Amino acid sequence: MTFEETANSTVRTAMDQGREAADKAAQAVKEGYDAAQQFVKDKGFDLDLREFVRREPWLAIAAAFAVGYFAARIVRRIS
């Protein structure tokens, strides 16, 4: 096996592992979103996200940051 073939194989393996980690992270985020949505329904809240963002833009930005932070931690832990 030549150096080029070895390098290509290593890159393909790394890409496959990256895709798998991204898929797992996407699934974890989806499950978290579904769980949060179910919680809101169970508690009887009528949450219009667009209206909330219009009323509280800084809180919405902070929430988006927090979700991104925890998603990154999940991805880091999975990989």
C-alpha atoms as a PDB file:
ATOM      1  CA  MET A   1       0.000   0.000   0.000  1.00  0.00           C
ATOM      2  CA  THR A   2       1.443   3.366  -0.985  1.00  0.00           C
ATOM      3  CA  PHE A   3       1.570   6.445   1.174  1.00  0.00           C
ATOM      4  CA  GLU A   4      -1.170   8.069  -0.929  1.00  0.00           C
ATOM      5  CA  GLU A   5      -3.487   5.084  -0.531  1.00  0.00           C
ATOM      6  CA  THR A   6      -2.867   5.021   3.215  1.00  0.00           C
ATOM      7  CA  ALA A   7      -3.579   8.744   3.499  1.00  0.00           C
ATOM      8  CA  ASN A   8      -6.782   8.407   1.455  1.00  0.00           C
ATOM      9  CA  SER A   9      -7.906   5.496   3.604  1.00  0.00           C
ATOM     10  CA  THR A  10      -7.230   7.458   6.784  1.00  0.00           C
ATOM     11  CA  VAL A  11      -9.141  10.470   5.485  1.00  0.00           C
ATOM     12  CA  ARG A  12     -12.112   8.299   4.492  1.00  0.00           C
ATOM     13  CA  THR A  13     -12.145   6.691   7.931  1.00  0.00           C
ATOM     14  CA  ALA A  14     -12.023  10.078   9.647  1.00  0.00           C
ATOM     15  CA  MET A  15     -14.845  11.378   7.431  1.00  0.00           C
ATOM     16  CA  ASP A  16     -16.973   8.338   8.207  1.00  0.00           C
ATOM     17  CA  GLN A  17     -16.396   8.794  11.929  1.00  0.00           C
ATOM     18  CA  GLY A  18     -17.283  12.484  11.609  1.00  0.00           C
ATOM     19  CA  ARG A  19     -20.521  11.649   9.816  1.00  0.00           C
ATOM     20  CA  GLU A  20     -21.417   9.095  12.470  1.00  0.00           C
ATOM     21  CA  ALA A  21     -20.760  11.617  15.258  1.00  0.00           C
ATOM     22  CA  ALA A  22     -22.840  14.244  13.448  1.00  0.00           C
ATOM     23  CA  ASP A  23     -25.682  11.765  12.981  1.00  0.00           C
ATOM     24  CA  LYS A  24     -25.592  10.830  16.665  1.00  0.00           C
ATOM     25  CA  ALA A  25     -25.554  14.489  17.685  1.00  0.00           C
ATOM     26  CA  ALA A  26     -28.450  15.274  15.363  1.00  0.00           C
ATOM     27  CA  GLN A  27     -30.419  12.382  16.831  1.00  0.00           C
ATOM     28  CA  ALA A  28     -29.675  13.550  20.388  1.00  0.00           C
ATOM     29  CA  VAL A  29     -30.812  17.079  19.547  1.00  0.00           C
ATOM     30  CA  LYS A  30     -33.970  15.755  17.895  1.00  0.00           C
ATOM     31  CA  GLU A  31     -34.769  13.588  20.910  1.00  0.00           C
ATOM     32  CA  GLY A  32     -34.171  16.526  23.239  1.00  0.00           C
ATOM     33  CA  TYR A  33     -36.410  18.750  21.138  1.00  0.00           C
ATOM     34  CA  ASP A  34     -39.147  16.114  21.056  1.00  0.00           C
ATOM     35  CA  ALA A  35     -38.905  15.651  24.826  1.00  0.00           C
ATOM     36  CA  ALA A  36     -39.098  19.415  25.413  1.00  0.00           C
ATOM     37  CA  GLN A  37     -42.064  19.693  23.069  1.00  0.00           C
ATOM     38  CA  GLN A  38     -43.841  16.851  24.861  1.00  0.00           C
ATOM     39  CA  PHE A  39     -43.127  18.460  28.249  1.00  0.00           C
ATOM     40  CA  VAL A  40     -44.669  21.725  27.072  1.00  0.00           C
ATOM     41  CA  LYS A  41     -47.742  19.886  25.805  1.00  0.00           C
ATOM     42  CA  ASP A  42     -48.071  17.901  29.027  1.00  0.00           C
ATOM     43  CA  LYS A  43     -47.893  21.049  31.165  1.00  0.00           C
ATOM     44  CA  GLY A  44     -50.544  22.733  29.048  1.00  0.00           C
ATOM     45  CA  PHE A  45     -48.419  25.661  27.952  1.00  0.00           C
ATOM     46  CA  ASP A  46     -49.419  27.395  24.758  1.00  0.00           C
ATOM     47  CA  LEU A  47     -46.026  28.534  23.530  1.00  0.00           C
ATOM     48  CA  ASP A  48     -45.806  30.479  20.291  1.00  0.00           C
ATOM     49  CA  LEU A  49     -42.077  30.570  19.671  1.00  0.00           C
ATOM     50  CA  ARG A  50     -42.223  33.384  17.118  1.00  0.00           C
ATOM     51  CA  GLU A  51     -44.145  35.609  19.487  1.00  0.00           C
ATOM     52  CA  PHE A  52     -41.763  34.781  22.330  1.00  0.00           C
ATOM     53  CA  VAL A  53     -38.741  35.760  20.224  1.00  0.00           C
ATOM     54  CA  ARG A  54     -40.421  39.049  19.281  1.00  0.00           C
ATOM     55  CA  ARG A  55     -41.167  39.839  22.919  1.00  0.00           C
ATOM     56  CA  GLU A  56     -37.898  38.582  24.453  1.00  0.00           C
ATOM     57  CA  PRO A  57     -35.127  38.629  21.834  1.00  0.00           C
ATOM     58  CA  TRP A  58     -32.227  38.629  24.334  1.00  0.00           C
ATOM     59  CA  LEU A  59     -33.674  35.712  26.249  1.00  0.00           C
ATOM     60  CA  ALA A  60     -34.168  33.825  22.973  1.00  0.00           C
ATOM     61  CA  ILE A  61     -30.523  34.483  22.019  1.00  0.00           C
ATOM     62  CA  ALA A  62     -29.362  33.275  25.434  1.00  0.00           C
ATOM     63  CA  ALA A  63     -31.492  30.138  25.106  1.00  0.00           C
ATOM     64  CA  ALA A  64     -30.098  29.458  21.625  1.00  0.00           C
ATOM     65  CA  PHE A  65     -26.568  29.866  22.988  1.00  0.00           C
ATOM     66  CA  ALA A  66     -27.300  27.446  25.839  1.00  0.00           C
ATOM     67  CA  VAL A  67     -28.772  24.856  23.481  1.00  0.00           C
ATOM     68  CA  GLY A  68     -25.750  25.169  21.184  1.00  0.00           C
ATOM     69  CA  TYR A  69     -23.360  24.878  24.101  1.00  0.00           C
ATOM     70  CA  PHE A  70     -24.964  21.693  25.398  1.00  0.00           C
ATOM     71  CA  ALA A  71     -25.227  20.225  21.897  1.00  0.00           C
ATOM     72  CA  ALA A  72     -21.494  20.834  21.451  1.00  0.00           C
ATOM     73  CA  ARG A  73     -20.784  19.126  24.771  1.00  0.00           C
ATOM     74  CA  ILE A  74     -22.890  16.137  23.701  1.00  0.00           C
ATOM     75  CA  VAL A  75     -21.051  15.918  20.386  1.00  0.00           C
ATOM     76  CA  ARG A  76     -17.705  16.181  22.142  1.00  0.00           C
ATOM     77  CA  ARG A  77     -18.699  13.427  24.583  1.00  0.00           C
ATOM     78  CA  ILE A  78     -19.951  11.132  21.800  1.00  0.00           C
ATOM     79  CA  SER A  79     -16.844  11.421  19.660  1.00  0.00           C
END
